[in-house]
Amino acid sequence: IIKDYMTPDPEALMEDDPIAFAMNKMIDGG
């Protein structure tokens, strides 16, 4: 079951978030 391997309530982005915000979130959160 996929649910067994998914992160519950993961960090997410909105489609109008800036690229810099996405990069920052990815780098800070790993």
All heavy atoms as atom14 arrays in JSON, in Angstrom:
{
  "sequence": "IIKDYMTPDPEALMEDDPIAFAMNKMIDGG",
  "atom14_mask": [
    [1, 1, 1, 1, 1, 1, 1, 1, 0, 0, 0, 0, 0, 0],
    [1, 1, 1, 1, 1, 1, 1, 1, 0, 0, 0, 0, 0, 0],
    [1, 1, 1, 1, 1, 1, 1, 1, 1, 0, 0, 0, 0, 0],
    [1, 1, 1, 1, 1, 1, 1, 1, 0, 0, 0, 0, 0, 0],
    [1, 1, 1, 1, 1, 1, 1, 1, 1, 1, 1, 1, 0, 0],
    [1, 1, 1, 1, 1, 1, 1, 1, 0, 0, 0, 0, 0, 0],
    [1, 1, 1, 1, 1, 1, 1, 0, 0, 0, 0, 0, 0, 0],
    [1, 1, 1, 1, 1, 1, 1, 0, 0, 0, 0, 0, 0, 0],
    [1, 1, 1, 1, 1, 1, 1, 1, 0, 0, 0, 0, 0, 0],
    [1, 1, 1, 1, 1, 1, 1, 0, 0, 0, 0, 0, 0, 0],
    [1, 1, 1, 1, 1, 1, 1, 1, 1, 0, 0, 0, 0, 0],
    [1, 1, 1, 1, 1, 0, 0, 0, 0, 0, 0, 0, 0, 0],
    [1, 1, 1, 1, 1, 1, 1, 1, 0, 0, 0, 0, 0, 0],
    [1, 1, 1, 1, 1, 1, 1, 1, 0, 0, 0, 0, 0, 0],
    [1, 1, 1, 1, 1, 1, 1, 1, 1, 0, 0, 0, 0, 0],
    [1, 1, 1, 1, 1, 1, 1, 1, 0, 0, 0, 0, 0, 0],
    [1, 1, 1, 1, 1, 1, 1, 1, 0, 0, 0, 0, 0, 0],
    [1, 1, 1, 1, 1, 1, 1, 0, 0, 0, 0, 0, 0, 0],
    [1, 1, 1, 1, 1, 1, 1, 1, 0, 0, 0, 0, 0, 0],
    [1, 1, 1, 1, 1, 0, 0, 0, 0, 0, 0, 0, 0, 0],
    [1, 1, 1, 1, 1, 1, 1, 1, 1, 1, 1, 0, 0, 0],
    [1, 1, 1, 1, 1, 0, 0, 0, 0, 0, 0, 0, 0, 0],
    [1, 1, 1, 1, 1, 1, 1, 1, 0, 0, 0, 0, 0, 0],
    [1, 1, 1, 1, 1, 1, 1, 1, 0, 0, 0, 0, 0, 0],
    [1, 1, 1, 1, 1, 1, 1, 1, 1, 0, 0, 0, 0, 0],
    [1, 1, 1, 1, 1, 1, 1, 1, 0, 0, 0, 0, 0, 0],
    [1, 1, 1, 1, 1, 1, 1, 1, 0, 0, 0, 0, 0, 0],
    [1, 1, 1, 1, 1, 1, 1, 1, 0, 0, 0, 0, 0, 0],
    [1, 1, 1, 1, 0, 0, 0, 0, 0, 0, 0, 0, 0, 0],
    [1, 1, 1, 1, 0, 0, 0, 0, 0, 0, 0, 0, 0, 0]
  ],
  "atom14_positions": [
    [[0.85, -1.19, 0.0], [0.0, 0.0, 0.0], [0.89, 1.24, 0.0], [1.78, 1.38, 0.84], [-0.93, -0.01, 1.23], [-1.82, -1.24, 1.16], [-1.74, 1.27, 1.31], [-2.63, -1.47, 2.41], [0.0, 0.0, 0.0], [0.0, 0.0, 0.0], [0.0, 0.0, 0.0], [0.0, 0.0, 0.0], [0.0, 0.0, 0.0], [0.0, 0.0, 0.0]],
    [[0.66, 2.12, -0.94], [1.47, 3.34, -1.08], [1.45, 4.16, 0.19], [2.48, 4.69, 0.61], [0.97, 4.17, -2.28], [1.2, 3.41, -3.57], [1.65, 5.53, -2.32], [0.57, 4.03, -4.78], [0.0, 0.0, 0.0], [0.0, 0.0, 0.0], [0.0, 0.0, 0.0], [0.0, 0.0, 0.0], [0.0, 0.0, 0.0], [0.0, 0.0, 0.0]],
    [[0.3, 4.26, 0.83], [0.15, 5.07, 2.04], [1.17, 4.69, 3.12], [1.62, 5.53, 3.89], [-1.27, 4.91, 2.59], [-1.56, 5.72, 3.83], [-3.0, 5.57, 4.25], [-3.12, 4.33, 5.09], [-4.39, 4.19, 5.78], [0.0, 0.0, 0.0], [0.0, 0.0, 0.0], [0.0, 0.0, 0.0], [0.0, 0.0, 0.0], [0.0, 0.0, 0.0]],
    [[1.57, 3.43, 3.15], [2.53, 2.97, 4.15], [3.92, 3.55, 3.95], [4.76, 3.49, 4.84], [2.63, 1.43, 4.14], [1.34, 0.77, 4.6], [0.52, 1.45, 5.26], [1.15, -0.42, 4.29], [0.0, 0.0, 0.0], [0.0, 0.0, 0.0], [0.0, 0.0, 0.0], [0.0, 0.0, 0.0], [0.0, 0.0, 0.0], [0.0, 0.0, 0.0]],
    [[4.2, 4.1, 2.78], [5.53, 4.63, 2.46], [5.53, 6.13, 2.23], [6.58, 6.72, 2.01], [6.1, 3.92, 1.23], [6.35, 2.47, 1.53], [5.37, 1.51, 1.3], [7.55, 2.07, 2.1], [5.59, 0.19, 1.6], [7.77, 0.74, 2.42], [6.78, -0.2, 2.16], [7.0, -1.51, 2.47], [0.0, 0.0, 0.0], [0.0, 0.0, 0.0]],
    [[4.38, 6.76, 2.29], [4.28, 8.2, 2.06], [4.49, 8.96, 3.36], [4.19, 8.47, 4.44], [2.9, 8.55, 1.49], [2.68, 8.05, 0.09], [1.02, 8.42, -0.52], [0.96, 10.18, -0.36], [0.0, 0.0, 0.0], [0.0, 0.0, 0.0], [0.0, 0.0, 0.0], [0.0, 0.0, 0.0], [0.0, 0.0, 0.0], [0.0, 0.0, 0.0]],
    [[5.0, 10.18, 3.23], [5.11, 11.09, 4.36], [3.74, 11.67, 4.64], [3.13, 12.28, 3.75], [6.1, 12.23, 4.04], [7.36, 11.66, 3.72], [6.22, 13.19, 5.2], [0.0, 0.0, 0.0], [0.0, 0.0, 0.0], [0.0, 0.0, 0.0], [0.0, 0.0, 0.0], [0.0, 0.0, 0.0], [0.0, 0.0, 0.0], [0.0, 0.0, 0.0]],
    [[3.22, 11.5, 5.86], [1.91, 12.08, 6.15], [2.02, 13.61, 6.24], [2.98, 14.13, 6.79], [1.53, 11.47, 7.5], [2.81, 11.01, 8.1], [3.77, 10.75, 6.98], [0.0, 0.0, 0.0], [0.0, 0.0, 0.0], [0.0, 0.0, 0.0], [0.0, 0.0, 0.0], [0.0, 0.0, 0.0], [0.0, 0.0, 0.0], [0.0, 0.0, 0.0]],
    [[1.07, 14.31, 5.67], [1.01, 15.77, 5.69], [2.36, 16.4, 5.34], [2.97, 17.11, 6.15], [0.54, 16.25, 7.06], [0.1, 17.71, 7.03], [-0.38, 18.17, 5.98], [0.27, 18.4, 8.06], [0.0, 0.0, 0.0], [0.0, 0.0, 0.0], [0.0, 0.0, 0.0], [0.0, 0.0, 0.0], [0.0, 0.0, 0.0], [0.0, 0.0, 0.0]],
    [[2.86, 16.16, 4.12], [4.19, 16.67, 3.75], [4.19, 18.19, 3.57], [3.15, 18.81, 3.38], [4.45, 15.98, 2.41], [3.09, 15.78, 1.84], [2.21, 15.49, 3.02], [0.0, 0.0, 0.0], [0.0, 0.0, 0.0], [0.0, 0.0, 0.0], [0.0, 0.0, 0.0], [0.0, 0.0, 0.0], [0.0, 0.0, 0.0], [0.0, 0.0, 0.0]],
    [[5.4, 18.76, 3.64], [5.57, 20.16, 3.27], [5.07, 20.3, 1.84], [5.25, 19.39, 1.03], [7.04, 20.55, 3.32], [7.64, 20.53, 4.69], [7.36, 21.8, 5.47], [7.05, 22.84, 4.86], [7.45, 21.74, 6.7], [0.0, 0.0, 0.0], [0.0, 0.0, 0.0], [0.0, 0.0, 0.0], [0.0, 0.0, 0.0], [0.0, 0.0, 0.0]],
    [[4.47, 21.42, 1.51], [3.94, 21.61, 0.16], [4.1, 23.06, -0.25], [4.34, 23.94, 0.58], [2.46, 21.2, 0.12], [0.0, 0.0, 0.0], [0.0, 0.0, 0.0], [0.0, 0.0, 0.0], [0.0, 0.0, 0.0], [0.0, 0.0, 0.0], [0.0, 0.0, 0.0], [0.0, 0.0, 0.0], [0.0, 0.0, 0.0], [0.0, 0.0, 0.0]],
    [[3.97, 23.28, -1.53], [4.03, 24.63, -2.11], [2.73, 24.91, -2.84], [2.07, 24.0, -3.32], [5.19, 24.71, -3.11], [6.6, 24.53, -2.55], [7.58, 24.29, -3.68], [6.99, 25.74, -1.74], [0.0, 0.0, 0.0], [0.0, 0.0, 0.0], [0.0, 0.0, 0.0], [0.0, 0.0, 0.0], [0.0, 0.0, 0.0], [0.0, 0.0, 0.0]],
    [[2.41, 26.19, -2.92], [1.27, 26.63, -3.72], [1.8, 26.91, -5.13], [2.97, 27.23, -5.3], [0.65, 27.9, -3.14], [0.24, 27.76, -1.68], [-1.08, 26.58, -1.42], [-2.46, 27.5, -2.04], [0.0, 0.0, 0.0], [0.0, 0.0, 0.0], [0.0, 0.0, 0.0], [0.0, 0.0, 0.0], [0.0, 0.0, 0.0], [0.0, 0.0, 0.0]],
    [[0.94, 26.82, -6.14], [1.42, 26.98, -7.51], [1.9, 28.4, -7.81], [2.66, 28.61, -8.76], [0.36, 26.56, -8.53], [-0.89, 27.4, -8.54], [-1.91, 26.89, -9.54], [-1.51, 26.31, -10.56], [-3.09, 27.06, -9.29], [0.0, 0.0, 0.0], [0.0, 0.0, 0.0], [0.0, 0.0, 0.0], [0.0, 0.0, 0.0], [0.0, 0.0, 0.0]],
    [[1.55, 29.38, -6.99], [2.03, 30.74, -7.23], [3.18, 31.13, -6.31], [3.59, 32.29, -6.27], [0.88, 31.74, -7.12], [0.18, 31.71, -5.78], [0.45, 30.81, -4.97], [-0.65, 32.61, -5.54], [0.0, 0.0, 0.0], [0.0, 0.0, 0.0], [0.0, 0.0, 0.0], [0.0, 0.0, 0.0], [0.0, 0.0, 0.0], [0.0, 0.0, 0.0]],
    [[3.75, 30.17, -5.58], [4.94, 30.45, -4.77], [6.12, 30.71, -5.69], [6.25, 30.09, -6.74], [5.28, 29.26, -3.85], [4.37, 29.17, -2.64], [3.79, 30.2, -2.26], [4.23, 28.06, -2.1], [0.0, 0.0, 0.0], [0.0, 0.0, 0.0], [0.0, 0.0, 0.0], [0.0, 0.0, 0.0], [0.0, 0.0, 0.0], [0.0, 0.0, 0.0]],
    [[7.01, 31.63, -5.3], [8.18, 31.92, -6.15], [9.19, 30.77, -6.14], [9.26, 29.98, -5.18], [8.79, 33.17, -5.53], [8.13, 33.37, -4.22], [6.91, 32.51, -4.16], [0.0, 0.0, 0.0], [0.0, 0.0, 0.0], [0.0, 0.0, 0.0], [0.0, 0.0, 0.0], [0.0, 0.0, 0.0], [0.0, 0.0, 0.0], [0.0, 0.0, 0.0]],
    [[9.97, 30.69, -7.2], [11.0, 29.67, -7.33], [11.97, 29.73, -6.15], [12.38, 28.7, -5.61], [11.78, 29.85, -8.66], [10.87, 29.62, -9.85], [13.0, 28.95, -8.71], [10.47, 28.2, -10.09], [0.0, 0.0, 0.0], [0.0, 0.0, 0.0], [0.0, 0.0, 0.0], [0.0, 0.0, 0.0], [0.0, 0.0, 0.0], [0.0, 0.0, 0.0]],
    [[12.33, 30.94, -5.73], [13.26, 31.1, -4.61], [12.7, 30.45, -3.35], [13.44, 29.84, -2.57], [13.56, 32.57, -4.36], [0.0, 0.0, 0.0], [0.0, 0.0, 0.0], [0.0, 0.0, 0.0], [0.0, 0.0, 0.0], [0.0, 0.0, 0.0], [0.0, 0.0, 0.0], [0.0, 0.0, 0.0], [0.0, 0.0, 0.0], [0.0, 0.0, 0.0]],
    [[11.41, 30.54, -3.15], [10.78, 29.93, -1.98], [10.88, 28.4, -2.07], [11.17, 27.73, -1.08], [9.31, 30.38, -1.9], [8.62, 29.96, -0.64], [8.97, 30.5, 0.58], [7.6, 29.01, -0.68], [8.32, 30.1, 1.75], [6.96, 28.61, 0.48], [7.32, 29.16, 1.69], [0.0, 0.0, 0.0], [0.0, 0.0, 0.0], [0.0, 0.0, 0.0]],
    [[10.66, 27.87, -3.26], [10.76, 26.41, -3.46], [12.18, 25.94, -3.19], [12.39, 24.94, -2.49], [10.34, 26.05, -4.88], [0.0, 0.0, 0.0], [0.0, 0.0, 0.0], [0.0, 0.0, 0.0], [0.0, 0.0, 0.0], [0.0, 0.0, 0.0], [0.0, 0.0, 0.0], [0.0, 0.0, 0.0], [0.0, 0.0, 0.0], [0.0, 0.0, 0.0]],
    [[13.16, 26.66, -3.72], [14.56, 26.26, -3.5], [14.92, 26.32, -2.02], [15.56, 25.41, -1.5], [15.48, 27.18, -4.3], [15.4, 26.94, -5.78], [16.5, 28.0, -6.71], [18.07, 27.42, -6.13], [0.0, 0.0, 0.0], [0.0, 0.0, 0.0], [0.0, 0.0, 0.0], [0.0, 0.0, 0.0], [0.0, 0.0, 0.0], [0.0, 0.0, 0.0]],
    [[14.51, 27.38, -1.36], [14.8, 27.53, 0.06], [14.19, 26.39, 0.87], [14.85, 25.79, 1.72], [14.3, 28.88, 0.56], [14.68, 29.13, 1.99], [15.85, 29.08, 2.34], [13.7, 29.41, 2.82], [0.0, 0.0, 0.0], [0.0, 0.0, 0.0], [0.0, 0.0, 0.0], [0.0, 0.0, 0.0], [0.0, 0.0, 0.0], [0.0, 0.0, 0.0]],
    [[12.94, 26.09, 0.59], [12.25, 25.01, 1.31], [12.93, 23.67, 1.07], [13.11, 22.87, 1.98], [10.78, 24.96, 0.9], [9.94, 24.06, 1.77], [8.47, 24.15, 1.39], [7.8, 25.34, 1.99], [7.17, 25.09, 3.27], [0.0, 0.0, 0.0], [0.0, 0.0, 0.0], [0.0, 0.0, 0.0], [0.0, 0.0, 0.0], [0.0, 0.0, 0.0]],
    [[13.36, 23.43, -0.16], [14.01, 22.16, -0.49], [15.38, 22.05, 0.19], [15.71, 21.0, 0.74], [14.17, 22.02, -2.0], [12.88, 21.77, -2.72], [13.15, 21.71, -4.48], [12.19, 20.28, -4.88], [0.0, 0.0, 0.0], [0.0, 0.0, 0.0], [0.0, 0.0, 0.0], [0.0, 0.0, 0.0], [0.0, 0.0, 0.0], [0.0, 0.0, 0.0]],
    [[16.14, 23.11, 0.15], [17.48, 23.08, 0.75], [17.39, 22.98, 2.27], [18.04, 22.14, 2.89], [18.31, 24.3, 0.3], [18.63, 24.16, -1.19], [19.59, 24.42, 1.12], [19.18, 25.41, -1.82], [0.0, 0.0, 0.0], [0.0, 0.0, 0.0], [0.0, 0.0, 0.0], [0.0, 0.0, 0.0], [0.0, 0.0, 0.0], [0.0, 0.0, 0.0]],
    [[16.57, 23.83, 2.87], [16.44, 23.81, 4.34], [15.87, 22.5, 4.85], [16.3, 21.99, 5.87], [15.56, 24.97, 4.82], [16.28, 26.3, 4.82], [17.52, 26.31, 4.61], [15.61, 27.33, 5.03], [0.0, 0.0, 0.0], [0.0, 0.0, 0.0], [0.0, 0.0, 0.0], [0.0, 0.0, 0.0], [0.0, 0.0, 0.0], [0.0, 0.0, 0.0]],
    [[14.9, 21.95, 4.13], [14.25, 20.72, 4.58], [14.93, 19.45, 4.1], [14.58, 18.36, 4.53], [0.0, 0.0, 0.0], [0.0, 0.0, 0.0], [0.0, 0.0, 0.0], [0.0, 0.0, 0.0], [0.0, 0.0, 0.0], [0.0, 0.0, 0.0], [0.0, 0.0, 0.0], [0.0, 0.0, 0.0], [0.0, 0.0, 0.0], [0.0, 0.0, 0.0]],
    [[15.89, 19.58, 3.17], [16.55, 18.4, 2.63], [15.64, 17.59, 1.71], [15.78, 16.38, 1.6], [0.0, 0.0, 0.0], [0.0, 0.0, 0.0], [0.0, 0.0, 0.0], [0.0, 0.0, 0.0], [0.0, 0.0, 0.0], [0.0, 0.0, 0.0], [0.0, 0.0, 0.0], [0.0, 0.0, 0.0], [0.0, 0.0, 0.0], [0.0, 0.0, 0.0]]
  ]
}
